[in-house]
Amino acid sequence: MTIVALTGGVAAGKSTVTEVLSSLGAHIIDADVLARKAVEPDTRAFEQIVARFGPVVVDESGGLDRSALGDIVFRDPQAREALNAIVHPQVKNLYDQALADALHNPGRVTIYAVPLLAEARSTTEFDAVVVVDAPAETRVARLREHRGLTEEQARSRVDAQVSDDERVALADSVVDASGDLAQTQRAARQLYEELVSLWPDHLSELSRRFPRDAS
């Protein structure tokens, strides 16, 4: 089946683009949703995480304290690699299941929203790659404003990912999400229109027909 990977740095605007695409009829497989499911209490990944990082990453309800875990792994590359080694295989299994479900409606635009495409997946798995892009300073400001992070916490999350240039280099097309919410929503609607017009036989034309400075 035909599937498009949608990626972007933390706080770049990927969630906004995904929400618009979903509202217009796209089938969304969301890696963040799969990742949360993969680490639910009593799962193998949850048990491995607690064994590796200790009870400090368990919240009062007995679930994973994602904030506490984030503070650990975004400061320590080795800890982050250990976490990824636990979580990514489980997410891949859940993705394969979700993809099998999507096969029941192959004519529908199918999007895999995956923040860590450059870090954890191969672009060859997908028919096209779309990157939602915003400057690092913009993303730091958004993390501080919308998630209540400190400057240090925000920068550690941005710096933990690959550079903007590395991510954009993977793209068949780039959605400019550096502006306000309305601008990003317009760009998402344009993306959907382009995907529908190309679906499913001509995605190789994506980079030519969908300009990188879409607004």
C-alpha atoms as a PDB file:
ATOM      1  CA  MET A   1       0.000   0.000   0.000  1.00  0.00           C
ATOM      2  CA  THR A   2       1.014   3.642  -0.358  1.00  0.00           C
ATOM      3  CA  ILE A   3       2.001   5.511   2.796  1.00  0.00           C
ATOM      4  CA  VAL A   4       3.531   8.917   3.495  1.00  0.00           C
ATOM      5  CA  ALA A   5       5.766   9.573   6.500  1.00  0.00           C
ATOM      6  CA  LEU A   6       5.137  12.908   8.208  1.00  0.00           C
ATOM      7  CA  THR A   7       7.919  14.020  10.519  1.00  0.00           C
ATOM      8  CA  GLY A   8       9.272  17.123  12.206  1.00  0.00           C
ATOM      9  CA  GLY A   9      11.288  18.292  15.174  1.00  0.00           C
ATOM     10  CA  VAL A  10       9.733  18.646  18.608  1.00  0.00           C
ATOM     11  CA  ALA A  11       7.204  21.541  18.653  1.00  0.00           C
ATOM     12  CA  ALA A  12       7.605  22.111  14.918  1.00  0.00           C
ATOM     13  CA  GLY A  13       3.860  21.883  14.319  1.00  0.00           C
ATOM     14  CA  LYS A  14       3.511  18.236  13.324  1.00  0.00           C
ATOM     15  CA  SER A  15       0.502  17.695  15.593  1.00  0.00           C
ATOM     16  CA  THR A  16      -1.327  20.644  14.042  1.00  0.00           C
ATOM     17  CA  VAL A  17      -0.679  19.340  10.535  1.00  0.00           C
ATOM     18  CA  THR A  18      -1.751  15.843  11.567  1.00  0.00           C
ATOM     19  CA  GLU A  19      -4.993  17.125  13.086  1.00  0.00           C
ATOM     20  CA  VAL A  20      -5.868  18.994   9.886  1.00  0.00           C
ATOM     21  CA  LEU A  21      -5.077  15.994   7.689  1.00  0.00           C
ATOM     22  CA  SER A  22      -7.198  13.757   9.904  1.00  0.00           C
ATOM     23  CA  SER A  23     -10.138  16.193   9.840  1.00  0.00           C
ATOM     24  CA  LEU A  24     -10.005  16.177   6.037  1.00  0.00           C
ATOM     25  CA  GLY A  25     -10.181  12.393   5.846  1.00  0.00           C
ATOM     26  CA  ALA A  26      -6.620  11.083   5.967  1.00  0.00           C
ATOM     27  CA  HIS A  27      -5.963   7.876   7.842  1.00  0.00           C
ATOM     28  CA  ILE A  28      -3.407   8.677  10.554  1.00  0.00           C
ATOM     29  CA  ILE A  29      -1.072   6.219  12.231  1.00  0.00           C
ATOM     30  CA  ASP A  30       0.496   8.236  15.056  1.00  0.00           C
ATOM     31  CA  ALA A  31       3.850   7.062  16.440  1.00  0.00           C
ATOM     32  CA  ASP A  32       3.288   9.047  19.653  1.00  0.00           C
ATOM     33  CA  VAL A  33       0.055   7.149  20.288  1.00  0.00           C
ATOM     34  CA  LEU A  34       1.803   3.861  19.576  1.00  0.00           C
ATOM     35  CA  ALA A  35       4.682   4.819  21.872  1.00  0.00           C
ATOM     36  CA  ARG A  36       2.303   5.545  24.751  1.00  0.00           C
ATOM     37  CA  LYS A  37       0.554   2.240  24.174  1.00  0.00           C
ATOM     38  CA  ALA A  38       3.896   0.420  24.079  1.00  0.00           C
ATOM     39  CA  VAL A  39       4.829   1.581  27.589  1.00  0.00           C
ATOM     40  CA  GLU A  40       1.522   1.076  29.370  1.00  0.00           C
ATOM     41  CA  PRO A  41       1.762  -0.650  32.789  1.00  0.00           C
ATOM     42  CA  ASP A  42       2.266  -4.418  32.632  1.00  0.00           C
ATOM     43  CA  THR A  43       3.814  -4.280  29.159  1.00  0.00           C
ATOM     44  CA  ARG A  44       7.274  -5.690  28.526  1.00  0.00           C
ATOM     45  CA  ALA A  45       8.616  -2.244  27.640  1.00  0.00           C
ATOM     46  CA  PHE A  46       7.273  -0.696  30.861  1.00  0.00           C
ATOM     47  CA  GLU A  47       8.934  -3.375  32.960  1.00  0.00           C
ATOM     48  CA  GLN A  48      12.227  -2.923  31.105  1.00  0.00           C
ATOM     49  CA  ILE A  49      12.121   0.857  31.533  1.00  0.00           C
ATOM     50  CA  VAL A  50      11.518   0.620  35.278  1.00  0.00           C
ATOM     51  CA  ALA A  51      14.302  -1.945  35.587  1.00  0.00           C
ATOM     52  CA  ARG A  52      16.684   0.333  33.676  1.00  0.00           C
ATOM     53  CA  PHE A  53      15.795   3.729  35.171  1.00  0.00           C
ATOM     54  CA  GLY A  54      14.336   2.878  38.552  1.00  0.00           C
ATOM     55  CA  PRO A  55      11.094   3.710  40.408  1.00  0.00           C
ATOM     56  CA  VAL A  56      11.638   7.445  39.896  1.00  0.00           C
ATOM     57  CA  VAL A  57      10.026   7.070  36.448  1.00  0.00           C
ATOM     58  CA  VAL A  58       6.802   5.619  37.888  1.00  0.00           C
ATOM     59  CA  ASP A  59       4.060   8.089  38.789  1.00  0.00           C
ATOM     60  CA  GLU A  60       1.615   7.903  41.714  1.00  0.00           C
ATOM     61  CA  SER A  61      -0.953   5.991  39.667  1.00  0.00           C
ATOM     62  CA  GLY A  62       1.570   3.298  38.765  1.00  0.00           C
ATOM     63  CA  GLY A  63       2.061   4.438  35.190  1.00  0.00           C
ATOM     64  CA  LEU A  64       5.102   5.859  33.449  1.00  0.00           C
ATOM     65  CA  ASP A  65       6.095   9.352  34.566  1.00  0.00           C
ATOM     66  CA  ARG A  66       7.017  10.689  31.124  1.00  0.00           C
ATOM     67  CA  SER A  67       8.212  14.024  32.480  1.00  0.00           C
ATOM     68  CA  ALA A  68      10.640  12.417  34.928  1.00  0.00           C
ATOM     69  CA  LEU A  69      11.850  10.017  32.259  1.00  0.00           C
ATOM     70  CA  GLY A  70      12.283  12.882  29.810  1.00  0.00           C
ATOM     71  CA  ASP A  71      14.429  14.825  32.259  1.00  0.00           C
ATOM     72  CA  ILE A  72      16.750  11.820  32.432  1.00  0.00           C
ATOM     73  CA  VAL A  73      17.043  10.858  28.789  1.00  0.00           C
ATOM     74  CA  PHE A  74      17.234  14.346  27.298  1.00  0.00           C
ATOM     75  CA  ARG A  75      20.302  15.060  29.444  1.00  0.00           C
ATOM     76  CA  ASP A  76      22.078  11.773  28.815  1.00  0.00           C
ATOM     77  CA  PRO A  77      22.597  10.400  25.279  1.00  0.00           C
ATOM     78  CA  GLN A  78      23.393   6.914  26.575  1.00  0.00           C
ATOM     79  CA  ALA A  79      20.205   6.828  28.624  1.00  0.00           C
ATOM     80  CA  ARG A  80      18.265   7.997  25.562  1.00  0.00           C
ATOM     81  CA  GLU A  81      19.785   5.233  23.446  1.00  0.00           C
ATOM     82  CA  ALA A  82      18.854   2.683  26.111  1.00  0.00           C
ATOM     83  CA  LEU A  83      15.268   3.926  26.158  1.00  0.00           C
ATOM     84  CA  ASN A  84      15.017   3.867  22.372  1.00  0.00           C
ATOM     85  CA  ALA A  85      16.355   0.325  22.279  1.00  0.00           C
ATOM     86  CA  ILE A  86      13.505  -0.707  24.577  1.00  0.00           C
ATOM     87  CA  VAL A  87      10.656   1.266  23.009  1.00  0.00           C
ATOM     88  CA  HIS A  88      11.337   1.351  19.265  1.00  0.00           C
ATOM     89  CA  PRO A  89      10.951  -2.408  18.608  1.00  0.00           C
ATOM     90  CA  GLN A  90       7.615  -2.398  20.423  1.00  0.00           C
ATOM     91  CA  VAL A  91       6.424   0.644  18.472  1.00  0.00           C
ATOM     92  CA  LYS A  92       7.456  -1.074  15.231  1.00  0.00           C
ATOM     93  CA  ASN A  93       5.319  -4.091  16.132  1.00  0.00           C
ATOM     94  CA  LEU A  94       2.318  -1.866  16.851  1.00  0.00           C
ATOM     95  CA  TYR A  95       2.937   0.026  13.606  1.00  0.00           C
ATOM     96  CA  ASP A  96       2.881  -3.207  11.618  1.00  0.00           C
ATOM     97  CA  GLN A  97      -0.482  -4.048  13.205  1.00  0.00           C
ATOM     98  CA  ALA A  98      -1.882  -0.585  12.424  1.00  0.00           C
ATOM     99  CA  LEU A  99      -0.643  -0.816   8.848  1.00  0.00           C
ATOM    100  CA  ALA A 100      -2.386  -4.159   8.417  1.00  0.00           C
ATOM    101  CA  ASP A 101      -5.634  -2.501   9.548  1.00  0.00           C
ATOM    102  CA  ALA A 102      -5.117   0.337   7.048  1.00  0.00           C
ATOM    103  CA  LEU A 103      -4.951  -2.179   4.208  1.00  0.00           C
ATOM    104  CA  HIS A 104      -8.720  -2.526   4.463  1.00  0.00           C
ATOM    105  CA  ASN A 105      -9.059   0.930   2.862  1.00  0.00           C
ATOM    106  CA  PRO A 106      -6.085   1.253   0.475  1.00  0.00           C
ATOM    107  CA  GLY A 107      -7.523   4.191  -1.463  1.00  0.00           C
ATOM    108  CA  ARG A 108      -7.476   6.493   1.547  1.00  0.00           C
ATOM    109  CA  VAL A 109      -4.553   8.873   2.094  1.00  0.00           C
ATOM    110  CA  THR A 110      -2.482   7.171   4.789  1.00  0.00           C
ATOM    111  CA  ILE A 111      -0.038   9.113   6.949  1.00  0.00           C
ATOM    112  CA  TYR A 112       2.473   7.811   9.467  1.00  0.00           C
ATOM    113  CA  ALA A 113       3.163  10.685  11.856  1.00  0.00           C
ATOM    114  CA  VAL A 114       6.603   9.837  13.231  1.00  0.00           C
ATOM    115  CA  PRO A 115       8.703  12.404  15.128  1.00  0.00           C
ATOM    116  CA  LEU A 116      11.893  10.333  15.123  1.00  0.00           C
ATOM    117  CA  LEU A 117      11.972   9.232  11.508  1.00  0.00           C
ATOM    118  CA  ALA A 118      15.565  10.388  11.023  1.00  0.00           C
ATOM    119  CA  GLU A 119      16.660   8.789  14.279  1.00  0.00           C
ATOM    120  CA  ALA A 120      14.804   5.487  14.220  1.00  0.00           C
ATOM    121  CA  ARG A 121      13.376   4.545  10.821  1.00  0.00           C
ATOM    122  CA  SER A 122      14.474   4.227   7.213  1.00  0.00           C
ATOM    123  CA  THR A 123      12.911   6.523   4.645  1.00  0.00           C
ATOM    124  CA  THR A 124      12.921   3.608   2.190  1.00  0.00           C
ATOM    125  CA  GLU A 125       9.955   2.166   4.101  1.00  0.00           C
ATOM    126  CA  PHE A 126       7.743   4.963   2.783  1.00  0.00           C
ATOM    127  CA  ASP A 127       6.570   6.202  -0.597  1.00  0.00           C
ATOM    128  CA  ALA A 128       7.227   9.835   0.323  1.00  0.00           C
ATOM    129  CA  VAL A 129       8.474  11.873   3.277  1.00  0.00           C
ATOM    130  CA  VAL A 130       7.003  15.213   4.341  1.00  0.00           C
ATOM    131  CA  VAL A 131       8.849  17.302   6.918  1.00  0.00           C
ATOM    132  CA  VAL A 132       7.063  19.896   9.054  1.00  0.00           C
ATOM    133  CA  ASP A 133       9.712  22.529   9.645  1.00  0.00           C
ATOM    134  CA  ALA A 134      10.187  25.452  12.028  1.00  0.00           C
ATOM    135  CA  PRO A 135      13.434  27.062  13.250  1.00  0.00           C
ATOM    136  CA  ALA A 136      14.967  25.723  16.443  1.00  0.00           C
ATOM    137  CA  GLU A 137      14.475  29.025  18.277  1.00  0.00           C
ATOM    138  CA  THR A 138      10.783  28.995  17.382  1.00  0.00           C
ATOM    139  CA  ARG A 139      10.455  25.479  18.711  1.00  0.00           C
ATOM    140  CA  VAL A 140      12.222  26.357  21.954  1.00  0.00           C
ATOM    141  CA  ALA A 141       9.832  29.271  22.447  1.00  0.00           C
ATOM    142  CA  ARG A 142       6.817  27.026  21.786  1.00  0.00           C
ATOM    143  CA  LEU A 143       8.006  24.430  24.283  1.00  0.00           C
ATOM    144  CA  ARG A 144       8.367  27.113  26.935  1.00  0.00           C
ATOM    145  CA  GLU A 145       5.029  28.734  26.163  1.00  0.00           C
ATOM    146  CA  HIS A 146       2.814  25.719  25.563  1.00  0.00           C
ATOM    147  CA  ARG A 147       4.428  23.008  27.690  1.00  0.00           C
ATOM    148  CA  GLY A 148       5.777  25.114  30.528  1.00  0.00           C
ATOM    149  CA  LEU A 149       9.367  23.948  30.124  1.00  0.00           C
ATOM    150  CA  THR A 150      12.343  25.917  31.308  1.00  0.00           C
ATOM    151  CA  GLU A 151      14.819  27.271  28.767  1.00  0.00           C
ATOM    152  CA  GLU A 152      17.228  24.459  29.648  1.00  0.00           C
ATOM    153  CA  GLN A 153      14.579  21.761  29.354  1.00  0.00           C
ATOM    154  CA  ALA A 154      13.331  23.109  26.027  1.00  0.00           C
ATOM    155  CA  ARG A 155      16.808  23.352  24.507  1.00  0.00           C
ATOM    156  CA  SER A 156      17.766  19.881  25.708  1.00  0.00           C
ATOM    157  CA  ARG A 157      14.769  18.427  23.877  1.00  0.00           C
ATOM    158  CA  VAL A 158      15.521  20.318  20.674  1.00  0.00           C
ATOM    159  CA  ASP A 159      19.242  19.534  20.813  1.00  0.00           C
ATOM    160  CA  ALA A 160      18.587  15.827  21.442  1.00  0.00           C
ATOM    161  CA  GLN A 161      17.160  15.437  17.938  1.00  0.00           C
ATOM    162  CA  VAL A 162      18.945  15.542  14.608  1.00  0.00           C
ATOM    163  CA  SER A 163      19.596  18.958  13.113  1.00  0.00           C
ATOM    164  CA  ASP A 164      17.010  20.728  10.980  1.00  0.00           C
ATOM    165  CA  ASP A 165      19.280  20.371   7.947  1.00  0.00           C
ATOM    166  CA  GLU A 166      19.584  16.604   8.427  1.00  0.00           C
ATOM    167  CA  ARG A 167      15.830  16.224   8.748  1.00  0.00           C
ATOM    168  CA  VAL A 168      14.987  18.420   5.765  1.00  0.00           C
ATOM    169  CA  ALA A 169      17.492  16.493   3.648  1.00  0.00           C
ATOM    170  CA  LEU A 170      15.211  13.450   3.947  1.00  0.00           C
ATOM    171  CA  ALA A 171      12.152  15.273   2.643  1.00  0.00           C
ATOM    172  CA  ASP A 172      10.313  14.998  -0.619  1.00  0.00           C
ATOM    173  CA  SER A 173       8.456  18.090   0.534  1.00  0.00           C
ATOM    174  CA  VAL A 174       8.636  20.541   3.442  1.00  0.00           C
ATOM    175  CA  VAL A 175       5.692  22.214   5.156  1.00  0.00           C
ATOM    176  CA  ASP A 176       6.673  25.615   6.530  1.00  0.00           C
ATOM    177  CA  ALA A 177       5.257  25.797  10.066  1.00  0.00           C
ATOM    178  CA  SER A 178       7.332  28.732  11.258  1.00  0.00           C
ATOM    179  CA  GLY A 179       4.358  31.105  11.332  1.00  0.00           C
ATOM    180  CA  ASP A 180       1.199  31.198  13.394  1.00  0.00           C
ATOM    181  CA  LEU A 181      -1.430  28.488  13.806  1.00  0.00           C
ATOM    182  CA  ALA A 182      -3.579  29.690  10.900  1.00  0.00           C
ATOM    183  CA  GLN A 183      -0.609  29.655   8.511  1.00  0.00           C
ATOM    184  CA  THR A 184       0.305  26.104   9.511  1.00  0.00           C
ATOM    185  CA  GLN A 185      -3.291  24.972   9.060  1.00  0.00           C
ATOM    186  CA  ARG A 186      -3.377  26.488   5.571  1.00  0.00           C
ATOM    187  CA  ALA A 187      -0.176  24.676   4.677  1.00  0.00           C
ATOM    188  CA  ALA A 188      -1.657  21.420   5.978  1.00  0.00           C
ATOM    189  CA  ARG A 189      -4.777  21.835   3.861  1.00  0.00           C
ATOM    190  CA  GLN A 190      -2.639  22.477   0.796  1.00  0.00           C
ATOM    191  CA  LEU A 191      -0.628  19.360   1.574  1.00  0.00           C
ATOM    192  CA  TYR A 192      -3.802  17.280   1.768  1.00  0.00           C
ATOM    193  CA  GLU A 193      -5.061  18.611  -1.549  1.00  0.00           C
ATOM    194  CA  GLU A 194      -1.751  17.739  -3.191  1.00  0.00           C
ATOM    195  CA  LEU A 195      -1.724  14.249  -1.710  1.00  0.00           C
ATOM    196  CA  VAL A 196      -5.281  13.562  -2.844  1.00  0.00           C
ATOM    197  CA  SER A 197      -4.440  14.724  -6.355  1.00  0.00           C
ATOM    198  CA  LEU A 198      -1.435  12.413  -6.502  1.00  0.00           C
ATOM    199  CA  TRP A 199      -2.848   9.445  -4.622  1.00  0.00           C
ATOM    200  CA  PRO A 200      -1.858   6.688  -5.011  1.00  0.00           C
ATOM    201  CA  ASP A 201       0.124   6.346  -8.243  1.00  0.00           C
ATOM    202  CA  HIS A 202       2.222   9.455  -8.658  1.00  0.00           C
ATOM    203  CA  LEU A 203       3.829  10.294  -5.323  1.00  0.00           C
ATOM    204  CA  SER A 204       7.195  10.629  -7.034  1.00  0.00           C
ATOM    205  CA  GLU A 205       5.845  13.941  -8.310  1.00  0.00           C
ATOM    206  CA  LEU A 206       5.337  15.248  -4.778  1.00  0.00           C
ATOM    207  CA  SER A 207       8.505  17.289  -4.465  1.00  0.00           C
ATOM    208  CA  ARG A 208       7.920  18.910  -7.858  1.00  0.00           C
ATOM    209  CA  ARG A 209       4.275  19.821  -7.341  1.00  0.00           C
ATOM    210  CA  PHE A 210       4.346  20.772  -3.657  1.00  0.00           C
ATOM    211  CA  PRO A 211       6.870  23.605  -3.106  1.00  0.00           C
ATOM    212  CA  ARG A 212       9.011  23.669   0.000  1.00  0.00           C
ATOM    213  CA  ASP A 213       7.949  27.225   0.882  1.00  0.00           C
ATOM    214  CA  ALA A 214       4.220  26.374   1.086  1.00  0.00           C
ATOM    215  CA  SER A 215       2.278  28.878   3.135  1.00  0.00           C
END
